[in-house]
Protein backbone atom coordinates (compact mmCIF):
# COMPACT_ATOMS: atom_id res chain seq x y z
CA UNK A 1 0.00 0.00 0.00
CA UNK A 2 1.20 3.51 -0.76
CA UNK A 3 0.76 4.64 2.83
CA UNK A 4 2.95 1.87 4.22
CA UNK A 5 5.53 2.47 1.50
CA UNK A 6 5.76 6.17 2.27
CA UNK A 7 5.85 5.63 6.01
CA UNK A 8 8.67 3.13 5.64
CA UNK A 9 10.58 5.78 3.75
CA UNK A 10 9.97 8.28 6.49
CA UNK A 11 11.39 6.18 9.31
CA UNK A 12 13.14 2.92 9.94
CA UNK A 13 10.62 0.07 10.09
CA UNK A 14 9.09 0.09 13.57
CA UNK A 15 6.05 -1.92 14.59
CA UNK A 16 3.35 -0.12 16.50
CA UNK A 17 0.15 -1.79 17.61
CA UNK A 18 -1.77 1.37 18.33
CA UNK A 19 -2.28 4.14 15.81
CA UNK A 20 -2.49 7.41 17.70
CA UNK A 21 -0.13 9.67 19.59
CA UNK A 22 -2.78 11.81 21.25
CA UNK A 23 -2.23 14.57 23.77
CA UNK A 24 -5.26 15.38 25.92
CA UNK A 25 -5.64 18.73 27.67
CA UNK A 26 -8.54 19.39 30.03
CA UNK A 27 -9.99 22.64 31.34
CA UNK A 28 -12.58 22.34 34.12
CA UNK A 29 -12.34 25.83 35.62
CA UNK A 30 -16.06 26.47 35.11
CA UNK A 31 -17.05 23.48 37.29
CA UNK A 32 -17.62 23.34 41.06
CA UNK A 33 -14.65 22.32 43.20
CA UNK A 34 -16.12 18.86 43.89
CA UNK A 35 -16.35 18.04 40.20
CA UNK A 36 -12.83 19.29 39.60
CA UNK A 37 -11.61 16.86 42.23
CA UNK A 38 -13.52 14.01 40.60
CA UNK A 39 -12.03 14.89 37.22
CA UNK A 40 -8.46 15.26 38.48
CA UNK A 41 -7.23 12.23 36.51
CA UNK A 42 -9.62 12.54 33.57
CA UNK A 43 -7.08 13.86 31.05
CA UNK A 44 -4.72 10.94 31.64
CA UNK A 45 -7.56 8.41 31.50
CA UNK A 46 -8.70 9.73 28.10
CA UNK A 47 -5.14 10.03 26.81
CA UNK A 48 -4.37 6.44 27.78
CA UNK A 49 -7.55 5.27 26.08
CA UNK A 50 -6.73 7.07 22.83
CA UNK A 51 -3.11 5.91 22.78
CA UNK A 52 -3.54 2.35 24.02
CA UNK A 53 -6.68 1.28 22.16
CA UNK A 54 -6.26 -0.45 18.83
CA UNK A 55 -8.71 1.10 16.38
CA UNK A 56 -7.70 -0.81 13.23
CA UNK A 57 -7.57 -4.52 12.40
CA UNK A 58 -4.12 -4.41 10.85
CA UNK A 59 -0.57 -3.92 12.00
CA UNK A 60 0.30 -0.24 12.12
CA UNK A 61 3.77 0.36 10.68
CA UNK A 62 5.49 3.70 10.90
CA UNK A 63 4.88 6.74 13.08
CA UNK A 64 1.70 7.14 15.05
CA UNK A 65 -0.70 9.89 14.03
CA UNK A 66 -0.09 13.06 16.01
CA UNK A 67 -3.28 14.58 17.41
CA UNK A 68 -4.55 16.75 20.22
CA UNK A 69 -7.83 16.81 22.10
CA UNK A 70 -8.60 19.93 24.13
CA UNK A 71 -11.59 19.32 26.39
CA UNK A 72 -13.39 22.27 27.98
CA UNK A 73 -15.96 21.24 30.57
CA UNK A 74 -19.06 23.43 30.34
CA UNK A 75 -21.30 22.14 33.11
CA UNK A 76 -21.96 19.36 35.61
CA UNK A 77 -25.53 18.46 36.52
CA UNK A 78 -24.37 15.97 39.17
CA UNK A 79 -21.21 14.22 40.26
CA UNK A 80 -21.28 12.07 37.12
CA UNK A 81 -23.13 13.98 34.36
CA UNK A 82 -21.13 16.43 32.27
CA UNK A 83 -21.30 18.56 29.15
CA UNK A 84 -18.13 19.58 27.37
CA UNK A 85 -16.68 21.17 24.28
CA UNK A 86 -13.84 19.38 22.51
CA UNK A 87 -11.38 20.77 19.99
CA UNK A 88 -9.82 17.94 17.99
CA UNK A 89 -6.72 18.54 15.90
CA UNK A 90 -4.63 16.09 13.91
CA UNK A 91 -1.65 16.41 11.60
CA UNK A 92 0.64 14.29 9.48
CA UNK A 93 4.26 14.76 8.40
CA UNK A 94 5.10 16.26 5.02
CA UNK A 95 7.47 13.84 3.36
CA UNK A 96 11.17 14.68 3.40
CA UNK A 97 10.68 17.72 5.63
CA UNK A 98 10.47 18.50 9.34
CA UNK A 99 7.08 20.13 8.76
CA UNK A 100 3.57 18.85 9.38
CA UNK A 101 0.32 19.33 7.52
CA UNK A 102 -2.81 20.08 9.53
CA UNK A 103 -5.38 17.42 8.65
CA UNK A 104 -8.32 18.03 10.91
CA UNK A 105 -9.49 20.90 13.09
CA UNK A 106 -12.91 20.40 14.64
CA UNK A 107 -14.71 22.31 17.39
CA UNK A 108 -17.38 20.00 18.79
CA UNK A 109 -19.46 21.78 21.43
CA UNK A 110 -22.30 19.30 22.01
CA UNK A 111 -20.76 16.49 24.02
CA UNK A 112 -22.66 15.06 26.99
CA UNK A 113 -21.47 12.01 28.90
CA UNK A 114 -21.19 10.21 32.23
CA UNK A 115 -17.93 9.85 34.13
CA UNK A 116 -17.35 8.55 37.64
CA UNK A 117 -14.31 9.10 39.84
CA UNK A 118 -11.63 6.50 39.09
CA UNK A 119 -13.53 5.10 36.12
CA UNK A 120 -11.59 2.99 33.62
CA UNK A 121 -12.45 3.20 29.94
CA UNK A 122 -12.98 0.12 27.78
CA UNK A 123 -13.80 -0.08 24.10
CA UNK A 124 -17.01 -1.91 23.23
CA UNK A 125 -17.97 -1.19 19.66
CA UNK A 126 -21.22 -3.15 19.73
CA UNK A 127 -22.85 -0.83 22.26
CA UNK A 128 -23.00 2.93 22.63
CA UNK A 129 -21.32 4.78 25.47
CA UNK A 130 -21.46 8.59 25.36
CA UNK A 131 -17.84 8.86 26.51
CA UNK A 132 -15.92 6.09 24.76
CA UNK A 133 -18.06 6.16 21.60
CA UNK A 134 -17.21 9.84 21.20
CA UNK A 135 -13.51 8.99 21.49
CA UNK A 136 -13.89 6.04 19.11
CA UNK A 137 -15.67 8.24 16.59
CA UNK A 138 -12.89 10.82 16.46
CA UNK A 139 -10.16 8.18 16.48
CA UNK A 140 -11.69 6.70 13.33
CA UNK A 141 -12.16 10.12 11.72
CA UNK A 142 -8.51 10.99 12.43
CA UNK A 143 -7.28 7.67 11.04
CA UNK A 144 -9.58 8.00 8.03
CA UNK A 145 -8.28 11.46 7.16
CA UNK A 146 -4.72 10.19 7.49
CA UNK A 147 -5.39 7.26 5.16
CA UNK A 148 -7.18 9.47 2.63
CA UNK A 149 -4.00 11.53 2.28
CA UNK A 150 -1.86 8.48 1.42
CA UNK A 151 -4.24 6.33 -0.59
CA UNK A 152 -7.18 7.33 -2.75
CA UNK A 153 -10.34 6.84 -0.67
CA UNK A 154 -8.20 4.90 1.79
CA UNK A 155 -10.10 6.27 4.76
CA UNK A 156 -13.47 4.80 3.78
CA UNK A 157 -13.37 1.79 6.17
CA UNK A 158 -12.75 4.12 9.12
CA UNK A 159 -15.39 6.62 8.07
CA UNK A 160 -17.82 3.69 7.85
CA UNK A 161 -16.93 2.71 11.41
CA UNK A 162 -17.52 6.29 12.50
CA UNK A 163 -20.90 6.27 10.76
CA UNK A 164 -21.88 3.11 12.62
CA UNK A 165 -21.13 4.92 15.88
CA UNK A 166 -23.24 7.86 14.72
CA UNK A 167 -26.18 5.55 14.09
CA UNK A 168 -25.89 4.16 17.61
CA UNK A 169 -25.53 7.61 19.13
CA UNK A 170 -28.45 9.18 17.29
CA UNK A 171 -30.90 6.78 18.91
CA UNK A 172 -29.27 6.82 22.35
CA UNK A 173 -30.15 8.80 25.45
CA UNK A 174 -27.35 11.26 24.53
CA UNK A 175 -28.28 12.25 20.96
CA UNK A 176 -26.65 15.71 20.97
CA UNK A 177 -24.18 15.97 18.09
CA UNK A 178 -25.03 12.51 16.79
CA UNK A 179 -28.09 13.54 14.80
CA UNK A 180 -28.28 15.35 11.49
CA UNK A 181 -28.67 19.12 11.57
CA UNK A 182 -28.88 21.80 8.89
CA UNK A 183 -26.45 21.23 6.03
CA UNK A 184 -23.79 23.70 7.16
CA UNK A 185 -24.09 23.23 10.94
CA UNK A 186 -21.43 21.03 12.50
CA UNK A 187 -22.46 17.67 13.89
CA UNK A 188 -20.71 14.34 13.96
CA UNK A 189 -23.45 12.98 11.72
CA UNK A 190 -23.04 15.72 9.13
CA UNK A 191 -19.26 15.34 8.91
CA UNK A 192 -19.17 11.60 8.37
CA UNK A 193 -22.25 11.65 6.14
CA UNK A 194 -20.45 14.09 3.83
CA UNK A 195 -17.29 11.98 3.87
CA UNK A 196 -19.22 8.93 2.69
CA UNK A 197 -21.47 10.79 0.25
CA UNK A 198 -20.68 9.86 -3.34
CA UNK A 199 -21.16 13.44 -4.52
CA UNK A 200 -18.09 14.48 -2.52
CA UNK A 201 -15.94 11.68 -3.93
CA UNK A 202 -14.13 14.12 -6.29
CA UNK A 203 -13.14 16.16 -3.23
CA UNK A 204 -11.67 13.13 -1.47
CA UNK A 205 -9.80 11.99 -4.57
CA UNK A 206 -8.37 15.48 -5.04
CA UNK A 207 -7.56 15.55 -1.31
CA UNK A 208 -5.33 12.52 -1.85
CA UNK A 209 -3.53 14.07 -4.82
CA UNK A 210 -3.13 17.37 -2.98
CA UNK A 211 -1.20 15.60 -0.23
CA UNK A 212 0.54 12.59 -1.76
CA UNK A 213 1.33 14.05 -5.19
CA UNK A 214 1.47 17.68 -4.06
CA UNK A 215 2.68 18.47 -0.55
CA UNK A 216 4.88 15.38 -0.29
CA UNK A 217 6.88 16.16 -3.45
CA UNK A 218 6.96 19.95 -3.16
CA UNK A 219 10.70 20.12 -2.38
CA UNK A 220 11.52 17.47 -4.94
CA UNK A 221 9.42 18.75 -7.84
CA UNK A 222 7.75 22.08 -7.17
CA UNK A 223 6.12 22.46 -10.58
CA UNK A 224 4.36 19.08 -10.46
CA UNK A 225 3.37 19.64 -6.84
CA UNK A 226 1.87 23.03 -7.62
CA UNK A 227 0.00 21.54 -10.55
CA UNK A 228 -1.65 18.98 -8.28
CA UNK A 229 -2.44 21.56 -5.63
CA UNK A 230 -3.85 23.89 -8.27
CA UNK A 231 -5.94 21.02 -9.63
CA UNK A 232 -7.43 20.62 -6.17
CA UNK A 233 -8.75 24.19 -6.27
CA UNK A 234 -10.06 23.62 -9.79
CA UNK A 235 -11.84 20.47 -8.64
CA UNK A 236 -13.61 22.43 -5.93
CA UNK A 237 -14.53 25.12 -8.44
CA UNK A 238 -16.07 22.50 -10.72
CA UNK A 239 -17.90 20.92 -7.80
CA UNK A 240 -19.31 24.28 -6.76
CA UNK A 241 -21.24 24.44 -10.04
CA UNK A 242 -22.87 21.07 -9.30
CA UNK A 243 -23.22 20.63 -5.53
CA UNK A 244 -23.49 22.77 -2.43
CA UNK A 245 -20.05 23.36 -0.95
CA UNK A 246 -21.46 25.10 2.11
CA UNK A 247 -21.20 21.85 4.04
CA UNK A 248 -19.48 20.62 7.18
CA UNK A 249 -16.92 18.64 5.17
CA UNK A 250 -15.74 21.58 3.07
CA UNK A 251 -15.83 24.02 5.99
CA UNK A 252 -13.81 21.62 8.12
CA UNK A 253 -11.25 21.29 5.35
CA UNK A 254 -10.76 25.02 4.96
CA UNK A 255 -10.66 25.64 8.69
CA UNK A 256 -7.69 23.26 8.79
CA UNK A 257 -6.03 24.18 5.50
CA UNK A 258 -6.56 27.79 4.49
CA UNK A 259 -3.20 28.88 5.90
CA UNK A 260 -1.36 26.02 4.26
CA UNK A 261 -3.10 26.59 0.93
CA UNK A 262 -2.08 30.23 1.05
CA UNK A 263 1.54 29.46 1.92
CA UNK A 264 2.03 26.95 -0.90
CA UNK A 265 -0.17 28.31 -3.67
CA UNK A 266 1.40 31.76 -3.50
CA UNK A 267 4.36 30.09 -5.24
CA UNK A 268 2.17 29.57 -8.30
CA UNK A 269 1.94 33.36 -8.66
CA UNK A 270 -1.58 33.01 -10.04
CA UNK A 271 -4.07 35.61 -8.75
CA UNK A 272 -6.97 33.68 -10.28
CA UNK A 273 -6.38 30.84 -7.82
CA UNK A 274 -6.96 33.13 -4.87
CA UNK A 275 -9.97 34.76 -6.48
CA UNK A 276 -11.42 31.27 -6.85
CA UNK A 277 -10.58 30.43 -3.24
CA UNK A 278 -12.44 33.55 -2.12
CA UNK A 279 -15.57 32.31 -3.89
CA UNK A 280 -15.27 28.78 -2.53
CA UNK A 281 -14.16 29.76 0.97
CA UNK A 282 -15.50 33.27 1.71
CA UNK A 283 -14.99 32.90 5.46
CA UNK A 284 -11.22 33.17 4.95
CA UNK A 285 -11.36 35.81 2.22
CA UNK A 286 -9.22 38.24 4.21
CA UNK A 287 -6.31 35.78 4.12
CA UNK A 288 -6.62 35.33 0.38
CA UNK A 289 -6.87 39.09 -0.11
CA UNK A 290 -3.51 39.49 1.63
CA UNK A 291 -1.88 37.39 -1.08
CA UNK A 292 -3.79 39.12 -3.88
CA UNK A 293 -2.69 42.53 -2.62
CA UNK A 294 0.94 41.44 -2.65
CA UNK A 295 0.60 40.15 -6.21
CA UNK A 296 -0.60 43.50 -7.53
């Protein structure tokens, strides 16, 4: 597989069972003192779960996926019932450099779950748990995004797993974030539904080329890399004429990538690219205008 091949080039062959290198940061300043005491070890419990659980059925060769989960507790209705906001970020190395590419940046503010003092977390994928199923969902999304950047549509098995979790969550006693909402409003359902929707297949295929045949060869062959990265923008422009791009999937992409796109595509010295980006991604128009102004 291309992913394994590239990863073996990146490092000496090392066998890892687990897939993630996740750092968990917790903020519970808004909670009563009692709840803070109960949650004293929560960050380490979640971090251990993310880093010690095996989320795939295959041997994981090469470096683990670097990711961060910032958890902000919003409220506690008892000693065990909590609501929280989680910011999930993942990245992957750019081949032959010391740099990383941001893959996923998500702000999920509708997480409700139960946690008891000293509780251990166990993965049980046949039943829904508002705490571990949330972690399983994002682990699969992170792995899926990583695979999609190394192999065309390589993340589909993991997105399917995430969708199975969504189906369980949407009919559970903790449905917040698991059910579909308006097209452009973030929910776990909306994100994974877009990822598996056939009409966004061109985006995912271009996503692969952008990374594997663009970013990863930029130092080696800038002209070919820029061509692939430019083609990505053109693909989105073509899609815009056919489907609604005001979706969670596309918004999530640009929230993670607009800075990177700007940094690399400025080398193409093509103002039309940034005019197109402004139309596709108006929320970051100011950033694209900075580049356009410098090109004048």
